[in-house]
Structure formats: C-alpha cells, structure tokens
Amino acid sequence: MAQIRAAGGALAENGLHDPLLTDIAAQLEDVGRGAEARANADDRYLLGFARLAGPDRHFVTVYLVQAVRDAAVANARGIVLVGAFVALFGVALLVAILRSQVGRPLRVLIGATEGMEAGQFDVRVPVSGTSWPAWRRASTAWWRASTCATASSRKWRGTTP
C-alpha cells in the first residue's frame, strides 16, 4: 500500500516487483473484448478480466482458487441436499398414493374374499369408495361373482332368500 501511495497516481506495475501484478500485466496482453477468467502462473489465483471503455482500461478481479473451490463445494452440497429432500418427498408421496389407491382397496377385497371362504356369502365390496377405474372394475366383478356364489350356495343348501 505504501508503494501505491508513494507513486502518487503514476503507478507502474514493473516498479512494484510483484509477481502477481507482473502475471496480470502479461495476461492483459491477450485479453479479448469480453470478460474472461484465467488462472495465474502458479494456479493459486483465479483472475477475472474485463475490458472497459477507453484506451487500455481493464477491470481485474483476483480470487483465491481455494476460496472458489470451497464455494463450489458448498453450493454442490446444498444442491445435493435439496435433491435428496425432493427425492425423499417424492418417495413418501408415492407410498401414500399407493397405499390409498392400491393397498386399501386390496385389503377390502381380500377381507371380503376371506369372509366368503369362511361361509359369509352376504359380504359385499363397496364399489363407490375407489377412484381408480381398475379397482372399480375389480370390485364390480367381485360383487357379481359373490352374488352368483350366494345364489349357488342357497340352491345347494336348499334355502331361498
């Protein structure tokens, strides 16, 4: 800082004998019209170059490569955590949907089938409570089959309704 103040505005990079400034000055020769990011000679710093309006005017930013890596790793961890949370939420939602749309109607159908097996031929499976068309069809088919089984059982036993 003292050297910069002592120069009084007439700062020449070669007068400071700073290897980083010498590297920046060398890389400025190759900077195009747009913004660019490059590593310095010893790969410790990431240099951002932008050309400003006017003759030989540039804006240079200097970042420690390790700081950039640390920030990238922190961002990647955040993205992975959000992705894991979204995946976990999706699996939980899928389980809830499968339980309500498949598991519950299947348990009702199995219970009614076991009831018929035990001799309770007047067991019915509700058709109106399911929203999935395949379960409505299965419930309706089971209801028709149980009605036929009930009628057949009554004929065989010699009873009438």
N, C-alpha and C. Protein backbone atom coordinates (compact mmCIF):
# COMPACT_ATOMS: atom_id res chain seq x y z
N MET A 1 0.82 -1.19 0.00
CA MET A 1 0.00 0.00 0.00
C MET A 1 0.86 1.25 0.00
N ALA A 2 1.95 1.19 0.76
CA ALA A 2 2.84 2.35 0.85
C ALA A 2 3.43 2.69 -0.51
N GLN A 3 3.76 1.66 -1.29
CA GLN A 3 4.32 1.90 -2.62
C GLN A 3 3.29 2.57 -3.53
N ILE A 4 2.04 2.17 -3.39
CA ILE A 4 0.99 2.75 -4.23
C ILE A 4 0.81 4.22 -3.86
N ARG A 5 0.78 4.54 -2.56
CA ARG A 5 0.64 5.94 -2.14
C ARG A 5 1.85 6.77 -2.58
N ALA A 6 3.01 6.20 -2.47
CA ALA A 6 4.23 6.92 -2.82
C ALA A 6 4.30 7.22 -4.31
N ALA A 7 3.67 6.36 -5.13
CA ALA A 7 3.68 6.57 -6.57
C ALA A 7 2.82 7.75 -6.97
N GLY A 8 1.90 8.17 -6.13
CA GLY A 8 1.08 9.35 -6.38
C GLY A 8 0.30 9.31 -7.67
N GLY A 9 -0.22 8.14 -8.04
CA GLY A 9 -1.06 8.04 -9.24
C GLY A 9 -0.30 7.62 -10.47
N ALA A 10 1.02 7.66 -10.42
CA ALA A 10 1.82 7.23 -11.56
C ALA A 10 2.37 5.85 -11.27
N LEU A 11 1.49 4.91 -11.09
CA LEU A 11 1.87 3.56 -10.69
C LEU A 11 2.23 2.74 -11.91
N ALA A 12 3.39 2.17 -11.91
CA ALA A 12 3.83 1.28 -12.98
C ALA A 12 4.00 -0.10 -12.38
N GLU A 13 3.43 -1.11 -13.03
CA GLU A 13 3.45 -2.46 -12.44
C GLU A 13 4.87 -2.99 -12.32
N ASN A 14 5.75 -2.64 -13.22
CA ASN A 14 7.11 -3.17 -13.14
C ASN A 14 7.91 -2.51 -12.02
N GLY A 15 7.44 -1.39 -11.51
CA GLY A 15 8.12 -0.74 -10.40
C GLY A 15 7.80 -1.35 -9.06
N LEU A 16 6.73 -2.15 -8.97
CA LEU A 16 6.33 -2.74 -7.69
C LEU A 16 7.03 -4.08 -7.43
N HIS A 17 7.52 -4.72 -8.46
CA HIS A 17 8.20 -6.02 -8.34
C HIS A 17 7.31 -7.06 -7.65
N ASP A 18 6.06 -7.09 -8.05
CA ASP A 18 5.11 -8.06 -7.51
C ASP A 18 4.85 -9.12 -8.59
N PRO A 19 5.13 -10.38 -8.30
CA PRO A 19 4.95 -11.41 -9.33
C PRO A 19 3.50 -11.54 -9.81
N LEU A 20 2.52 -11.34 -8.92
CA LEU A 20 1.12 -11.44 -9.33
C LEU A 20 0.76 -10.32 -10.29
N LEU A 21 1.20 -9.08 -9.97
CA LEU A 21 0.92 -7.96 -10.88
C LEU A 21 1.63 -8.15 -12.22
N THR A 22 2.82 -8.69 -12.20
CA THR A 22 3.55 -8.96 -13.45
C THR A 22 2.78 -9.99 -14.28
N ASP A 23 2.26 -11.02 -13.63
CA ASP A 23 1.47 -12.04 -14.31
C ASP A 23 0.19 -11.43 -14.89
N ILE A 24 -0.49 -10.58 -14.11
CA ILE A 24 -1.72 -9.93 -14.59
C ILE A 24 -1.41 -9.08 -15.81
N ALA A 25 -0.33 -8.31 -15.75
CA ALA A 25 0.04 -7.45 -16.89
C ALA A 25 0.34 -8.29 -18.12
N ALA A 26 0.99 -9.42 -17.96
CA ALA A 26 1.30 -10.29 -19.10
C ALA A 26 0.02 -10.88 -19.70
N GLN A 27 -0.91 -11.24 -18.86
CA GLN A 27 -2.15 -11.83 -19.37
C GLN A 27 -3.08 -10.79 -19.98
N LEU A 28 -2.95 -9.53 -19.57
CA LEU A 28 -3.79 -8.48 -20.15
C LEU A 28 -3.52 -8.29 -21.64
N GLU A 29 -2.32 -8.65 -22.08
CA GLU A 29 -1.98 -8.52 -23.49
C GLU A 29 -2.89 -9.39 -24.36
N ASP A 30 -3.35 -10.53 -23.82
CA ASP A 30 -4.14 -11.49 -24.61
C ASP A 30 -5.64 -11.38 -24.37
N VAL A 31 -6.07 -10.47 -23.51
CA VAL A 31 -7.49 -10.38 -23.19
C VAL A 31 -8.25 -9.84 -24.40
N GLY A 32 -9.35 -10.53 -24.72
CA GLY A 32 -10.18 -10.10 -25.84
C GLY A 32 -11.17 -9.02 -25.42
N ARG A 33 -12.23 -8.88 -26.18
CA ARG A 33 -13.22 -7.84 -25.91
C ARG A 33 -14.15 -8.18 -24.74
N GLY A 34 -14.44 -9.44 -24.54
CA GLY A 34 -15.38 -9.84 -23.49
C GLY A 34 -14.69 -10.10 -22.16
N ALA A 35 -15.46 -10.60 -21.24
CA ALA A 35 -14.92 -10.96 -19.93
C ALA A 35 -14.31 -12.36 -20.01
N GLU A 36 -13.23 -12.56 -19.29
CA GLU A 36 -12.55 -13.84 -19.27
C GLU A 36 -12.10 -14.16 -17.86
N ALA A 37 -11.97 -15.45 -17.58
CA ALA A 37 -11.43 -15.91 -16.30
C ALA A 37 -10.28 -16.84 -16.61
N ARG A 38 -9.16 -16.63 -15.93
CA ARG A 38 -7.96 -17.44 -16.14
C ARG A 38 -7.27 -17.66 -14.81
N ALA A 39 -6.47 -18.70 -14.77
CA ALA A 39 -5.63 -18.94 -13.59
C ALA A 39 -4.32 -18.20 -13.78
N ASN A 40 -3.70 -17.80 -12.65
CA ASN A 40 -2.40 -17.15 -12.77
C ASN A 40 -1.33 -18.22 -12.98
N ALA A 41 -0.08 -17.81 -13.06
CA ALA A 41 1.02 -18.72 -13.43
C ALA A 41 1.17 -19.88 -12.44
N ASP A 42 0.99 -19.65 -11.15
CA ASP A 42 1.17 -20.74 -10.18
C ASP A 42 -0.15 -21.37 -9.74
N ASP A 43 -1.24 -21.06 -10.40
CA ASP A 43 -2.57 -21.63 -10.15
C ASP A 43 -3.09 -21.39 -8.74
N ARG A 44 -2.62 -20.37 -8.07
CA ARG A 44 -3.13 -20.04 -6.74
C ARG A 44 -4.30 -19.07 -6.81
N TYR A 45 -4.37 -18.30 -7.89
CA TYR A 45 -5.39 -17.27 -8.02
C TYR A 45 -6.18 -17.47 -9.31
N LEU A 46 -7.43 -17.10 -9.24
CA LEU A 46 -8.27 -17.06 -10.43
C LEU A 46 -8.43 -15.58 -10.77
N LEU A 47 -8.09 -15.22 -11.98
CA LEU A 47 -8.10 -13.83 -12.41
C LEU A 47 -9.29 -13.61 -13.35
N GLY A 48 -10.09 -12.61 -13.05
CA GLY A 48 -11.19 -12.24 -13.92
C GLY A 48 -10.87 -10.95 -14.62
N PHE A 49 -10.91 -10.97 -15.95
CA PHE A 49 -10.57 -9.81 -16.75
C PHE A 49 -11.79 -9.30 -17.50
N ALA A 50 -11.94 -7.99 -17.55
CA ALA A 50 -12.98 -7.37 -18.37
C ALA A 50 -12.40 -6.08 -18.95
N ARG A 51 -12.64 -5.84 -20.22
CA ARG A 51 -12.15 -4.62 -20.86
C ARG A 51 -13.19 -3.53 -20.65
N LEU A 52 -12.74 -2.37 -20.23
CA LEU A 52 -13.63 -1.22 -20.01
C LEU A 52 -13.53 -0.28 -21.20
N ALA A 53 -14.50 0.63 -21.31
CA ALA A 53 -14.47 1.62 -22.39
C ALA A 53 -13.27 2.54 -22.20
N GLY A 54 -12.61 2.85 -23.28
CA GLY A 54 -11.44 3.72 -23.22
C GLY A 54 -10.19 2.94 -23.58
N PRO A 55 -9.12 3.68 -23.81
CA PRO A 55 -7.87 3.01 -24.21
C PRO A 55 -7.19 2.32 -23.03
N ASP A 56 -6.86 1.08 -23.23
CA ASP A 56 -6.14 0.28 -22.24
C ASP A 56 -6.75 0.35 -20.84
N ARG A 57 -8.04 0.22 -20.76
CA ARG A 57 -8.70 0.19 -19.46
C ARG A 57 -9.26 -1.20 -19.23
N HIS A 58 -8.92 -1.75 -18.09
CA HIS A 58 -9.35 -3.10 -17.75
C HIS A 58 -9.83 -3.13 -16.32
N PHE A 59 -10.70 -4.07 -16.07
CA PHE A 59 -11.13 -4.35 -14.70
C PHE A 59 -10.65 -5.76 -14.39
N VAL A 60 -9.91 -5.92 -13.31
CA VAL A 60 -9.35 -7.22 -12.95
C VAL A 60 -9.81 -7.57 -11.55
N THR A 61 -10.33 -8.77 -11.40
CA THR A 61 -10.67 -9.27 -10.07
C THR A 61 -9.77 -10.46 -9.79
N VAL A 62 -9.40 -10.62 -8.54
CA VAL A 62 -8.49 -11.69 -8.14
C VAL A 62 -9.17 -12.49 -7.02
N TYR A 63 -9.28 -13.80 -7.26
CA TYR A 63 -9.88 -14.70 -6.27
C TYR A 63 -8.87 -15.80 -5.95
N LEU A 64 -8.83 -16.20 -4.71
CA LEU A 64 -8.05 -17.39 -4.35
C LEU A 64 -8.75 -18.61 -4.94
N VAL A 65 -8.01 -19.46 -5.62
CA VAL A 65 -8.59 -20.66 -6.23
C VAL A 65 -9.24 -21.52 -5.15
N GLN A 66 -8.61 -21.64 -3.99
CA GLN A 66 -9.16 -22.45 -2.92
C GLN A 66 -10.51 -21.90 -2.45
N ALA A 67 -10.65 -20.58 -2.39
CA ALA A 67 -11.92 -19.97 -1.98
C ALA A 67 -13.02 -20.28 -3.00
N VAL A 68 -12.65 -20.24 -4.28
CA VAL A 68 -13.63 -20.57 -5.33
C VAL A 68 -14.03 -22.04 -5.23
N ARG A 69 -13.07 -22.91 -4.98
CA ARG A 69 -13.38 -24.34 -4.83
C ARG A 69 -14.27 -24.57 -3.61
N ASP A 70 -13.94 -23.92 -2.50
CA ASP A 70 -14.75 -24.08 -1.29
C ASP A 70 -16.19 -23.63 -1.54
N ALA A 71 -16.35 -22.51 -2.25
CA ALA A 71 -17.71 -22.03 -2.56
C ALA A 71 -18.44 -23.01 -3.48
N ALA A 72 -17.72 -23.56 -4.45
CA ALA A 72 -18.34 -24.53 -5.37
C ALA A 72 -18.77 -25.79 -4.62
N VAL A 73 -17.94 -26.26 -3.71
CA VAL A 73 -18.27 -27.46 -2.94
C VAL A 73 -19.48 -27.19 -2.04
N ALA A 74 -19.51 -26.01 -1.42
CA ALA A 74 -20.66 -25.66 -0.57
C ALA A 74 -21.94 -25.60 -1.40
N ASN A 75 -21.87 -25.02 -2.59
CA ASN A 75 -23.06 -24.96 -3.46
C ASN A 75 -23.48 -26.36 -3.90
N ALA A 76 -22.50 -27.20 -4.23
CA ALA A 76 -22.83 -28.57 -4.64
C ALA A 76 -23.49 -29.34 -3.51
N ARG A 77 -23.00 -29.16 -2.30
CA ARG A 77 -23.63 -29.83 -1.15
C ARG A 77 -25.08 -29.38 -0.98
N GLY A 78 -25.29 -28.08 -1.12
CA GLY A 78 -26.66 -27.57 -1.00
C GLY A 78 -27.58 -28.15 -2.06
N ILE A 79 -27.09 -28.25 -3.28
CA ILE A 79 -27.89 -28.80 -4.37
C ILE A 79 -28.18 -30.28 -4.11
N VAL A 80 -27.18 -31.03 -3.64
CA VAL A 80 -27.39 -32.44 -3.34
C VAL A 80 -28.40 -32.62 -2.21
N LEU A 81 -28.31 -31.78 -1.17
CA LEU A 81 -29.26 -31.88 -0.06
C LEU A 81 -30.68 -31.56 -0.51
N VAL A 82 -30.84 -30.54 -1.33
CA VAL A 82 -32.18 -30.21 -1.84
C VAL A 82 -32.70 -31.35 -2.71
N GLY A 83 -31.83 -31.91 -3.56
CA GLY A 83 -32.23 -33.03 -4.41
C GLY A 83 -32.64 -34.24 -3.59
N ALA A 84 -31.88 -34.52 -2.52
CA ALA A 84 -32.23 -35.66 -1.67
C ALA A 84 -33.56 -35.43 -0.97
N PHE A 85 -33.80 -34.21 -0.51
CA PHE A 85 -35.08 -33.89 0.14
C PHE A 85 -36.24 -34.04 -0.84
N VAL A 86 -36.07 -33.55 -2.06
CA VAL A 86 -37.12 -33.67 -3.07
C VAL A 86 -37.37 -35.14 -3.40
N ALA A 87 -36.30 -35.93 -3.53
CA ALA A 87 -36.47 -37.36 -3.82
C ALA A 87 -37.17 -38.07 -2.67
N LEU A 88 -36.79 -37.75 -1.45
CA LEU A 88 -37.44 -38.36 -0.29
C LEU A 88 -38.92 -37.99 -0.22
N PHE A 89 -39.23 -36.73 -0.48
CA PHE A 89 -40.62 -36.29 -0.51
C PHE A 89 -41.40 -37.01 -1.61
N GLY A 90 -40.78 -37.19 -2.77
CA GLY A 90 -41.43 -37.90 -3.87
C GLY A 90 -41.72 -39.35 -3.53
N VAL A 91 -40.77 -40.01 -2.88
CA VAL A 91 -40.98 -41.40 -2.48
C VAL A 91 -42.09 -41.49 -1.44
N ALA A 92 -42.10 -40.58 -0.47
CA ALA A 92 -43.15 -40.59 0.55
C ALA A 92 -44.52 -40.36 -0.08
N LEU A 93 -44.59 -39.44 -1.04
CA LEU A 93 -45.85 -39.18 -1.74
C LEU A 93 -46.29 -40.40 -2.53
N LEU A 94 -45.36 -41.07 -3.19
CA LEU A 94 -45.68 -42.27 -3.95
C LEU A 94 -46.19 -43.37 -3.04
N VAL A 95 -45.56 -43.55 -1.89
CA VAL A 95 -46.02 -44.57 -0.94
C VAL A 95 -47.43 -44.25 -0.45
N ALA A 96 -47.68 -42.98 -0.14
CA ALA A 96 -49.02 -42.60 0.32
C ALA A 96 -50.08 -42.85 -0.75
N ILE A 97 -49.76 -42.53 -1.98
CA ILE A 97 -50.72 -42.74 -3.08
C ILE A 97 -50.95 -44.23 -3.29
N LEU A 98 -49.88 -45.01 -3.28
CA LEU A 98 -50.05 -46.46 -3.48
C LEU A 98 -50.85 -47.10 -2.35
N ARG A 99 -50.62 -46.65 -1.13
CA ARG A 99 -51.40 -47.20 -0.01
C ARG A 99 -52.88 -46.88 -0.15
N SER A 100 -53.19 -45.64 -0.53
CA SER A 100 -54.61 -45.28 -0.59
C SER A 100 -55.29 -45.81 -1.84
N GLN A 101 -54.59 -45.86 -2.96
CA GLN A 101 -55.23 -46.26 -4.20
C GLN A 101 -55.12 -47.74 -4.51
N VAL A 102 -54.14 -48.42 -3.90
CA VAL A 102 -53.95 -49.84 -4.17
C VAL A 102 -54.12 -50.67 -2.90
N GLY A 103 -53.39 -50.28 -1.86
CA GLY A 103 -53.38 -51.08 -0.63
C GLY A 103 -54.72 -51.18 0.05
N ARG A 104 -55.39 -50.07 0.27
CA ARG A 104 -56.67 -50.08 0.98
C ARG A 104 -57.73 -50.87 0.22
N PRO A 105 -57.96 -50.62 -1.08
CA PRO A 105 -58.96 -51.41 -1.80
C PRO A 105 -58.60 -52.90 -1.85
N LEU A 106 -57.31 -53.20 -1.95
CA LEU A 106 -56.90 -54.59 -1.99
C LEU A 106 -57.17 -55.28 -0.66
N ARG A 107 -56.94 -54.58 0.45
CA ARG A 107 -57.24 -55.16 1.77
C ARG A 107 -58.74 -55.42 1.92
N VAL A 108 -59.56 -54.51 1.43
CA VAL A 108 -61.02 -54.70 1.50
C VAL A 108 -61.42 -55.92 0.67
N LEU A 109 -60.87 -56.04 -0.52
CA LEU A 109 -61.19 -57.16 -1.39
C LEU A 109 -60.72 -58.49 -0.79
N ILE A 110 -59.54 -58.50 -0.21
CA ILE A 110 -59.03 -59.72 0.44
C ILE A 110 -59.91 -60.08 1.64
N GLY A 111 -60.29 -59.08 2.44
CA GLY A 111 -61.16 -59.35 3.59
C GLY A 111 -62.49 -59.93 3.17
N ALA A 112 -63.06 -59.41 2.11
CA ALA A 112 -64.34 -59.94 1.63
C ALA A 112 -64.18 -61.35 1.09
N THR A 113 -63.08 -61.61 0.42
CA THR A 113 -62.83 -62.96 -0.11
C THR A 113 -62.66 -63.96 1.03
N GLU A 114 -61.95 -63.57 2.07
CA GLU A 114 -61.77 -64.45 3.23
C GLU A 114 -63.11 -64.68 3.93
N GLY A 115 -63.97 -63.64 3.94
CA GLY A 115 -65.30 -63.81 4.51
C GLY A 115 -66.12 -64.83 3.74
N MET A 116 -66.06 -64.77 2.40
CA MET A 116 -66.78 -65.77 1.59
C MET A 116 -66.21 -67.15 1.82
N GLU A 117 -64.89 -67.24 1.98
CA GLU A 117 -64.26 -68.53 2.22
C GLU A 117 -64.73 -69.13 3.55
N ALA A 118 -65.02 -68.24 4.50
CA ALA A 118 -65.50 -68.69 5.82
C ALA A 118 -67.00 -68.97 5.82
N GLY A 119 -67.66 -68.77 4.68
CA GLY A 119 -69.08 -69.08 4.60
C GLY A 119 -69.99 -67.87 4.71
N GLN A 120 -69.47 -66.69 4.76
CA GLN A 120 -70.29 -65.47 4.81
C GLN A 120 -70.53 -65.00 3.37
N PHE A 121 -71.61 -65.50 2.78
CA PHE A 121 -71.87 -65.21 1.37
C PHE A 121 -72.57 -63.88 1.15
N ASP A 122 -72.96 -63.21 2.18
CA ASP A 122 -73.63 -61.93 2.01
C ASP A 122 -72.64 -60.75 2.12
N VAL A 123 -71.34 -61.03 2.11
CA VAL A 123 -70.31 -59.98 2.17
C VAL A 123 -70.29 -59.22 0.85
N ARG A 124 -70.20 -57.89 0.94
CA ARG A 124 -70.15 -57.05 -0.26
C ARG A 124 -68.90 -56.17 -0.22
N VAL A 125 -68.39 -55.87 -1.38
CA VAL A 125 -67.24 -54.96 -1.51
C VAL A 125 -67.77 -53.64 -2.04
N PRO A 126 -67.54 -52.53 -1.33
CA PRO A 126 -68.03 -51.24 -1.82
C PRO A 126 -67.32 -50.83 -3.10
N VAL A 127 -68.09 -50.45 -4.09
CA VAL A 127 -67.55 -50.05 -5.39
C VAL A 127 -67.33 -48.54 -5.43
N SER A 128 -68.11 -47.79 -4.69
CA SER A 128 -68.09 -46.33 -4.82
C SER A 128 -66.89 -45.66 -4.14
N GLY A 129 -66.19 -46.32 -3.24
CA GLY A 129 -65.12 -45.67 -2.49
C GLY A 129 -63.80 -45.59 -3.23
N THR A 130 -63.67 -46.25 -4.36
CA THR A 130 -62.40 -46.25 -5.07
C THR A 130 -62.44 -45.31 -6.26
N SER A 131 -61.33 -44.63 -6.49
CA SER A 131 -61.29 -43.68 -7.60
C SER A 131 -60.52 -44.23 -8.80
N TRP A 132 -59.81 -45.31 -8.63
CA TRP A 132 -59.04 -45.87 -9.73
C TRP A 132 -59.94 -46.79 -10.54
N PRO A 133 -60.09 -46.58 -11.85
CA PRO A 133 -61.02 -47.37 -12.67
C PRO A 133 -60.78 -48.88 -12.59
N ALA A 134 -59.54 -49.31 -12.52
CA ALA A 134 -59.27 -50.75 -12.47
C ALA A 134 -59.82 -51.36 -11.19
N TRP A 135 -59.71 -50.64 -10.07
CA TRP A 135 -60.26 -51.16 -8.81
C TRP A 135 -61.78 -51.16 -8.84
N ARG A 136 -62.38 -50.17 -9.49
CA ARG A 136 -63.84 -50.17 -9.62
C ARG A 136 -64.30 -51.38 -10.41
N ARG A 137 -63.59 -51.69 -11.50
CA ARG A 137 -63.94 -52.86 -12.30
C ARG A 137 -63.74 -54.14 -11.50
N ALA A 138 -62.62 -54.22 -10.76
CA ALA A 138 -62.36 -55.43 -9.96
C ALA A 138 -63.41 -55.59 -8.87
N SER A 139 -63.79 -54.49 -8.22
CA SER A 139 -64.81 -54.56 -7.17
C SER A 139 -66.16 -54.97 -7.75
N THR A 140 -66.50 -54.42 -8.90
CA THR A 140 -67.77 -54.76 -9.54
C THR A 140 -67.78 -56.23 -9.94
N ALA A 141 -66.67 -56.72 -10.51
CA ALA A 141 -66.59 -58.13 -10.91
C ALA A 141 -66.68 -59.03 -9.68
N TRP A 142 -66.03 -58.65 -8.60
CA TRP A 142 -66.09 -59.46 -7.38
C TRP A 142 -67.52 -59.47 -6.84
N TRP A 143 -68.17 -58.32 -6.87
CA TRP A 143 -69.54 -58.23 -6.37
C TRP A 143 -70.45 -59.15 -7.18
N ARG A 144 -70.30 -59.14 -8.50
CA ARG A 144 -71.12 -60.03 -9.35
C ARG A 144 -70.83 -61.50 -9.05
N ALA A 145 -69.53 -61.82 -8.90
CA ALA A 145 -69.17 -63.22 -8.61
C ALA A 145 -69.70 -63.63 -7.25
N SER A 146 -69.66 -62.76 -6.28
CA SER A 146 -70.17 -63.12 -4.95
C SER A 146 -71.68 -63.28 -4.97
N THR A 147 -72.36 -62.49 -5.79
CA THR A 147 -73.81 -62.63 -5.92
C THR A 147 -74.14 -64.00 -6.52
N CYS A 148 -73.39 -64.41 -7.55
CA CYS A 148 -73.61 -65.73 -8.15
C CYS A 148 -73.29 -66.83 -7.14
N ALA A 149 -72.21 -66.64 -6.37
CA ALA A 149 -71.84 -67.66 -5.38
C ALA A 149 -72.89 -67.75 -4.29
N THR A 150 -73.47 -66.63 -3.91
CA THR A 150 -74.51 -66.64 -2.88
C THR A 150 -75.74 -67.40 -3.39
N ALA A 151 -76.12 -67.09 -4.62
CA ALA A 151 -77.30 -67.78 -5.19
C ALA A 151 -77.02 -69.27 -5.33
N SER A 152 -75.83 -69.61 -5.77
CA SER A 152 -75.47 -71.02 -5.94
C SER A 152 -75.44 -71.73 -4.60
N SER A 153 -74.92 -71.06 -3.59
CA SER A 153 -74.84 -71.66 -2.26
C SER A 153 -76.24 -71.90 -1.70
N ARG A 154 -77.14 -70.98 -1.92
CA ARG A 154 -78.51 -71.13 -1.40
C ARG A 154 -79.21 -72.28 -2.10
N LYS A 155 -78.97 -72.42 -3.40
CA LYS A 155 -79.59 -73.54 -4.13
C LYS A 155 -79.06 -74.85 -3.60
N TRP A 156 -77.76 -74.90 -3.37
CA TRP A 156 -77.14 -76.14 -2.92
C TRP A 156 -77.61 -76.53 -1.53
N ARG A 157 -77.82 -75.50 -0.68
CA ARG A 157 -78.29 -75.78 0.69
C ARG A 157 -79.80 -75.93 0.73
N GLY A 158 -80.46 -75.55 -0.30
CA GLY A 158 -81.90 -75.66 -0.35
C GLY A 158 -82.63 -74.55 0.36
N THR A 159 -81.97 -73.40 0.45
CA THR A 159 -82.62 -72.24 1.10
C THR A 159 -82.89 -71.20 0.04
N THR A 160 -83.83 -70.34 0.31
CA THR A 160 -84.14 -69.25 -0.60
C THR A 160 -84.06 -67.94 0.19
N PRO A 161 -83.80 -66.87 -0.50
CA PRO A 161 -83.69 -65.59 0.22
C PRO A 161 -84.96 -65.12 0.85
